[in-house]
């Protein structure tokens, strides 16, 4: 057995800093309540610099059009999402020095993930499916795949890189 296999992971005492950038937030409310405005206001109150936050507008979401001092990027598909997240992780701690990202909105992000899941399902099974419910041989396997194999790895990668994450619905 190699030395690596015999190493025991030892416990460590967790020491925290009370900082909103250390948590993940799922923000859900009625339409036009001001969720995106709240994100912008938190970034400005905490950092005083709009470049410390990044609103990732997913798909057809354009709820930021009238918000000044908001750092924003639009993603329309899975490759946009992957490319953006890889860039964020690679550039963490450099310019721009983004601390917190917000996905706006969760339902539009889900549609992007579902489209990728359907494409992967067709590729892997050779079967054509018309909706996410039929993907991955059905029985809710498609939505579960989207959540666990598309969205969760993206969020985990960003979190491990040190980003605070918001998801807005």
C-alpha atoms as a PDB file:
ATOM      1  CA  UNK A   1       0.000   0.000   0.000  1.00  0.00           C
ATOM      2  CA  UNK A   2       1.213   3.451  -0.815  1.00  0.00           C
ATOM      3  CA  UNK A   3       1.940   6.048   1.826  1.00  0.00           C
ATOM      4  CA  UNK A   4      -0.959   8.162   0.520  1.00  0.00           C
ATOM      5  CA  UNK A   5      -3.483   5.361   1.080  1.00  0.00           C
ATOM      6  CA  UNK A   6      -2.453   4.966   4.737  1.00  0.00           C
ATOM      7  CA  UNK A   7      -2.762   8.643   5.656  1.00  0.00           C
ATOM      8  CA  UNK A   8      -5.633   9.409   7.973  1.00  0.00           C
ATOM      9  CA  UNK A   9      -7.498  12.661   7.527  1.00  0.00           C
ATOM     10  CA  UNK A  10      -7.192  14.361  10.884  1.00  0.00           C
ATOM     11  CA  UNK A  11      -9.863  16.700  12.222  1.00  0.00           C
ATOM     12  CA  UNK A  12      -9.239  20.414  12.414  1.00  0.00           C
ATOM     13  CA  UNK A  13     -11.085  23.072  14.347  1.00  0.00           C
ATOM     14  CA  UNK A  14     -13.143  25.202  11.990  1.00  0.00           C
ATOM     15  CA  UNK A  15     -12.454  28.915  12.464  1.00  0.00           C
ATOM     16  CA  UNK A  16     -14.839  31.267  10.709  1.00  0.00           C
ATOM     17  CA  UNK A  17     -15.070  34.908   9.859  1.00  0.00           C
ATOM     18  CA  UNK A  18     -18.605  36.261   9.904  1.00  0.00           C
ATOM     19  CA  UNK A  19     -18.727  37.446   6.305  1.00  0.00           C
ATOM     20  CA  UNK A  20     -21.581  37.362   3.813  1.00  0.00           C
ATOM     21  CA  UNK A  21     -19.044  36.351   1.134  1.00  0.00           C
ATOM     22  CA  UNK A  22     -18.574  33.017   2.963  1.00  0.00           C
ATOM     23  CA  UNK A  23     -22.142  31.804   2.501  1.00  0.00           C
ATOM     24  CA  UNK A  24     -24.439  30.674  -0.259  1.00  0.00           C
ATOM     25  CA  UNK A  25     -27.791  32.398  -0.521  1.00  0.00           C
ATOM     26  CA  UNK A  26     -30.923  31.269  -2.317  1.00  0.00           C
ATOM     27  CA  UNK A  27     -33.093  34.364  -2.649  1.00  0.00           C
ATOM     28  CA  UNK A  28     -36.690  33.756  -3.607  1.00  0.00           C
ATOM     29  CA  UNK A  29     -39.539  36.239  -3.655  1.00  0.00           C
ATOM     30  CA  UNK A  30     -42.303  37.581  -5.834  1.00  0.00           C
ATOM     31  CA  UNK A  31     -41.529  39.205  -9.194  1.00  0.00           C
ATOM     32  CA  UNK A  32     -40.255  42.776  -9.065  1.00  0.00           C
ATOM     33  CA  UNK A  33     -39.632  42.572  -5.306  1.00  0.00           C
ATOM     34  CA  UNK A  34     -36.072  43.849  -5.773  1.00  0.00           C
ATOM     35  CA  UNK A  35     -33.924  40.715  -5.458  1.00  0.00           C
ATOM     36  CA  UNK A  36     -31.391  41.877  -8.040  1.00  0.00           C
ATOM     37  CA  UNK A  37     -31.372  45.338  -6.486  1.00  0.00           C
ATOM     38  CA  UNK A  38     -30.708  43.748  -3.086  1.00  0.00           C
ATOM     39  CA  UNK A  39     -27.704  41.903  -4.552  1.00  0.00           C
ATOM     40  CA  UNK A  40     -26.333  45.139  -6.025  1.00  0.00           C
ATOM     41  CA  UNK A  41     -26.970  47.021  -2.769  1.00  0.00           C
ATOM     42  CA  UNK A  42     -25.199  44.358  -0.673  1.00  0.00           C
ATOM     43  CA  UNK A  43     -22.155  44.480  -2.962  1.00  0.00           C
ATOM     44  CA  UNK A  44     -22.028  48.272  -2.798  1.00  0.00           C
ATOM     45  CA  UNK A  45     -22.566  48.355   1.006  1.00  0.00           C
ATOM     46  CA  UNK A  46     -19.919  45.709   1.673  1.00  0.00           C
ATOM     47  CA  UNK A  47     -17.273  46.645  -0.870  1.00  0.00           C
ATOM     48  CA  UNK A  48     -18.180  50.058  -2.312  1.00  0.00           C
ATOM     49  CA  UNK A  49     -17.092  48.631  -5.665  1.00  0.00           C
ATOM     50  CA  UNK A  50     -19.511  47.081  -8.179  1.00  0.00           C
ATOM     51  CA  UNK A  51     -16.700  44.930  -9.633  1.00  0.00           C
ATOM     52  CA  UNK A  52     -16.558  42.878  -6.413  1.00  0.00           C
ATOM     53  CA  UNK A  53     -19.878  41.263  -7.363  1.00  0.00           C
ATOM     54  CA  UNK A  54     -20.996  39.656 -10.594  1.00  0.00           C
ATOM     55  CA  UNK A  55     -24.583  39.166 -11.657  1.00  0.00           C
ATOM     56  CA  UNK A  56     -24.740  36.250 -14.092  1.00  0.00           C
ATOM     57  CA  UNK A  57     -27.898  36.866 -16.099  1.00  0.00           C
ATOM     58  CA  UNK A  58     -29.022  33.467 -17.356  1.00  0.00           C
ATOM     59  CA  UNK A  59     -30.920  32.933 -20.598  1.00  0.00           C
ATOM     60  CA  UNK A  60     -33.771  35.365 -21.096  1.00  0.00           C
ATOM     61  CA  UNK A  61     -33.382  37.096 -17.727  1.00  0.00           C
ATOM     62  CA  UNK A  62     -32.824  40.825 -18.218  1.00  0.00           C
ATOM     63  CA  UNK A  63     -33.969  42.174 -14.844  1.00  0.00           C
ATOM     64  CA  UNK A  64     -30.932  44.398 -14.434  1.00  0.00           C
ATOM     65  CA  UNK A  65     -31.582  46.868 -17.273  1.00  0.00           C
ATOM     66  CA  UNK A  66     -32.339  49.820 -14.969  1.00  0.00           C
ATOM     67  CA  UNK A  67     -29.723  49.106 -12.281  1.00  0.00           C
ATOM     68  CA  UNK A  68     -26.680  51.353 -12.141  1.00  0.00           C
ATOM     69  CA  UNK A  69     -23.387  50.153 -10.607  1.00  0.00           C
ATOM     70  CA  UNK A  70     -23.963  46.489 -11.328  1.00  0.00           C
ATOM     71  CA  UNK A  71     -21.290  44.231 -12.803  1.00  0.00           C
ATOM     72  CA  UNK A  72     -23.167  41.876 -15.152  1.00  0.00           C
ATOM     73  CA  UNK A  73     -22.627  39.223 -17.800  1.00  0.00           C
ATOM     74  CA  UNK A  74     -25.188  37.282 -19.852  1.00  0.00           C
ATOM     75  CA  UNK A  75     -24.922  33.558 -20.482  1.00  0.00           C
ATOM     76  CA  UNK A  76     -27.147  31.853 -23.004  1.00  0.00           C
ATOM     77  CA  UNK A  77     -26.004  28.238 -22.967  1.00  0.00           C
ATOM     78  CA  UNK A  78     -24.034  25.613 -21.105  1.00  0.00           C
ATOM     79  CA  UNK A  79     -20.715  26.371 -22.817  1.00  0.00           C
ATOM     80  CA  UNK A  80     -21.079  30.058 -21.878  1.00  0.00           C
ATOM     81  CA  UNK A  81     -21.625  28.932 -18.279  1.00  0.00           C
ATOM     82  CA  UNK A  82     -18.623  26.580 -18.251  1.00  0.00           C
ATOM     83  CA  UNK A  83     -16.336  29.113 -19.931  1.00  0.00           C
ATOM     84  CA  UNK A  84     -17.371  31.870 -17.526  1.00  0.00           C
ATOM     85  CA  UNK A  85     -16.966  29.729 -14.403  1.00  0.00           C
ATOM     86  CA  UNK A  86     -13.585  28.398 -15.544  1.00  0.00           C
ATOM     87  CA  UNK A  87     -12.445  31.985 -16.161  1.00  0.00           C
ATOM     88  CA  UNK A  88     -13.734  33.137 -12.761  1.00  0.00           C
ATOM     89  CA  UNK A  89     -11.925  30.310 -10.975  1.00  0.00           C
ATOM     90  CA  UNK A  90      -8.698  30.857 -12.933  1.00  0.00           C
ATOM     91  CA  UNK A  91      -8.730  34.618 -12.323  1.00  0.00           C
ATOM     92  CA  UNK A  92      -9.815  34.480  -8.641  1.00  0.00           C
ATOM     93  CA  UNK A  93      -7.799  37.040  -6.717  1.00  0.00           C
ATOM     94  CA  UNK A  94      -6.731  38.963  -9.817  1.00  0.00           C
ATOM     95  CA  UNK A  95      -8.474  41.631 -11.874  1.00  0.00           C
ATOM     96  CA  UNK A  96     -11.408  41.728 -11.787  1.00  0.00           C
ATOM     97  CA  UNK A  97     -11.361  40.677  -8.154  1.00  0.00           C
ATOM     98  CA  UNK A  98     -14.899  39.292  -7.897  1.00  0.00           C
ATOM     99  CA  UNK A  99     -15.944  38.025  -4.461  1.00  0.00           C
ATOM    100  CA  UNK A 100     -19.638  37.139  -4.832  1.00  0.00           C
ATOM    101  CA  UNK A 101     -21.536  35.867  -7.874  1.00  0.00           C
ATOM    102  CA  UNK A 102     -25.305  35.779  -8.294  1.00  0.00           C
ATOM    103  CA  UNK A 103     -27.166  33.625 -10.804  1.00  0.00           C
ATOM    104  CA  UNK A 104     -30.271  35.418 -12.020  1.00  0.00           C
ATOM    105  CA  UNK A 105     -32.573  33.464 -12.237  1.00  0.00           C
ATOM    106  CA  UNK A 106     -32.640  29.873 -10.959  1.00  0.00           C
ATOM    107  CA  UNK A 107     -35.358  28.877 -13.424  1.00  0.00           C
ATOM    108  CA  UNK A 108     -33.383  30.232 -16.405  1.00  0.00           C
ATOM    109  CA  UNK A 109     -30.234  28.481 -15.112  1.00  0.00           C
ATOM    110  CA  UNK A 110     -32.264  25.267 -14.885  1.00  0.00           C
ATOM    111  CA  UNK A 111     -33.378  25.640 -18.505  1.00  0.00           C
ATOM    112  CA  UNK A 112     -29.729  25.930 -19.585  1.00  0.00           C
ATOM    113  CA  UNK A 113     -28.845  22.825 -17.568  1.00  0.00           C
ATOM    114  CA  UNK A 114     -31.869  20.921 -18.879  1.00  0.00           C
ATOM    115  CA  UNK A 115     -30.924  21.651 -22.498  1.00  0.00           C
ATOM    116  CA  UNK A 116     -27.449  20.228 -21.833  1.00  0.00           C
ATOM    117  CA  UNK A 117     -28.941  17.199 -20.057  1.00  0.00           C
ATOM    118  CA  UNK A 118     -31.217  16.476 -23.030  1.00  0.00           C
ATOM    119  CA  UNK A 119     -28.244  16.721 -25.418  1.00  0.00           C
ATOM    120  CA  UNK A 120     -26.146  14.394 -23.250  1.00  0.00           C
ATOM    121  CA  UNK A 121     -29.033  11.954 -22.900  1.00  0.00           C
ATOM    122  CA  UNK A 122     -29.480  11.774 -26.679  1.00  0.00           C
ATOM    123  CA  UNK A 123     -25.727  11.266 -27.100  1.00  0.00           C
ATOM    124  CA  UNK A 124     -25.427   8.575 -24.402  1.00  0.00           C
ATOM    125  CA  UNK A 125     -28.623   6.615 -25.032  1.00  0.00           C
ATOM    126  CA  UNK A 126     -29.077   7.200 -28.743  1.00  0.00           C
ATOM    127  CA  UNK A 127     -32.729   7.949 -27.974  1.00  0.00           C
ATOM    128  CA  UNK A 128     -34.424  11.177 -28.950  1.00  0.00           C
ATOM    129  CA  UNK A 129     -36.314  12.871 -26.119  1.00  0.00           C
ATOM    130  CA  UNK A 130     -38.587  15.869 -26.367  1.00  0.00           C
ATOM    131  CA  UNK A 131     -38.359  17.168 -22.797  1.00  0.00           C
ATOM    132  CA  UNK A 132     -36.279  17.001 -19.651  1.00  0.00           C
ATOM    133  CA  UNK A 133     -38.764  14.517 -18.192  1.00  0.00           C
ATOM    134  CA  UNK A 134     -37.932  12.066 -20.968  1.00  0.00           C
ATOM    135  CA  UNK A 135     -34.165  12.535 -20.680  1.00  0.00           C
ATOM    136  CA  UNK A 136     -31.930   9.857 -19.125  1.00  0.00           C
ATOM    137  CA  UNK A 137     -34.681   7.235 -19.643  1.00  0.00           C
ATOM    138  CA  UNK A 138     -37.321   9.263 -17.766  1.00  0.00           C
ATOM    139  CA  UNK A 139     -38.749   8.822 -14.262  1.00  0.00           C
ATOM    140  CA  UNK A 140     -37.355  12.208 -13.095  1.00  0.00           C
ATOM    141  CA  UNK A 141     -33.821  11.091 -13.999  1.00  0.00           C
ATOM    142  CA  UNK A 142     -33.451  14.096 -16.340  1.00  0.00           C
ATOM    143  CA  UNK A 143     -34.126  16.819 -13.750  1.00  0.00           C
ATOM    144  CA  UNK A 144     -31.972  14.940 -11.222  1.00  0.00           C
ATOM    145  CA  UNK A 145     -29.132  14.767 -13.754  1.00  0.00           C
ATOM    146  CA  UNK A 146     -29.437  18.504 -14.420  1.00  0.00           C
ATOM    147  CA  UNK A 147     -29.260  19.272 -10.705  1.00  0.00           C
ATOM    148  CA  UNK A 148     -26.558  16.790  -9.702  1.00  0.00           C
ATOM    149  CA  UNK A 149     -24.363  16.599 -12.801  1.00  0.00           C
ATOM    150  CA  UNK A 150     -24.672  20.067 -14.328  1.00  0.00           C
ATOM    151  CA  UNK A 151     -25.567  22.694 -11.711  1.00  0.00           C
ATOM    152  CA  UNK A 152     -24.062  21.193  -8.545  1.00  0.00           C
ATOM    153  CA  UNK A 153     -20.513  20.802  -9.959  1.00  0.00           C
ATOM    154  CA  UNK A 154     -20.591  24.402 -11.203  1.00  0.00           C
ATOM    155  CA  UNK A 155     -21.673  25.722  -7.797  1.00  0.00           C
ATOM    156  CA  UNK A 156     -19.201  23.483  -5.947  1.00  0.00           C
ATOM    157  CA  UNK A 157     -16.317  24.620  -8.142  1.00  0.00           C
ATOM    158  CA  UNK A 158     -17.091  28.273  -7.533  1.00  0.00           C
ATOM    159  CA  UNK A 159     -17.537  27.703  -3.791  1.00  0.00           C
ATOM    160  CA  UNK A 160     -14.229  25.796  -3.519  1.00  0.00           C
ATOM    161  CA  UNK A 161     -12.516  28.649  -5.358  1.00  0.00           C
ATOM    162  CA  UNK A 162     -13.720  31.030  -2.639  1.00  0.00           C
ATOM    163  CA  UNK A 163     -16.718  32.748  -4.184  1.00  0.00           C
ATOM    164  CA  UNK A 164     -19.855  33.641  -2.288  1.00  0.00           C
ATOM    165  CA  UNK A 165     -22.804  32.374  -4.324  1.00  0.00           C
ATOM    166  CA  UNK A 166     -26.309  33.712  -4.638  1.00  0.00           C
ATOM    167  CA  UNK A 167     -29.063  32.136  -6.676  1.00  0.00           C
ATOM    168  CA  UNK A 168     -32.046  34.374  -7.352  1.00  0.00           C
ATOM    169  CA  UNK A 169     -35.523  33.157  -8.244  1.00  0.00           C
END
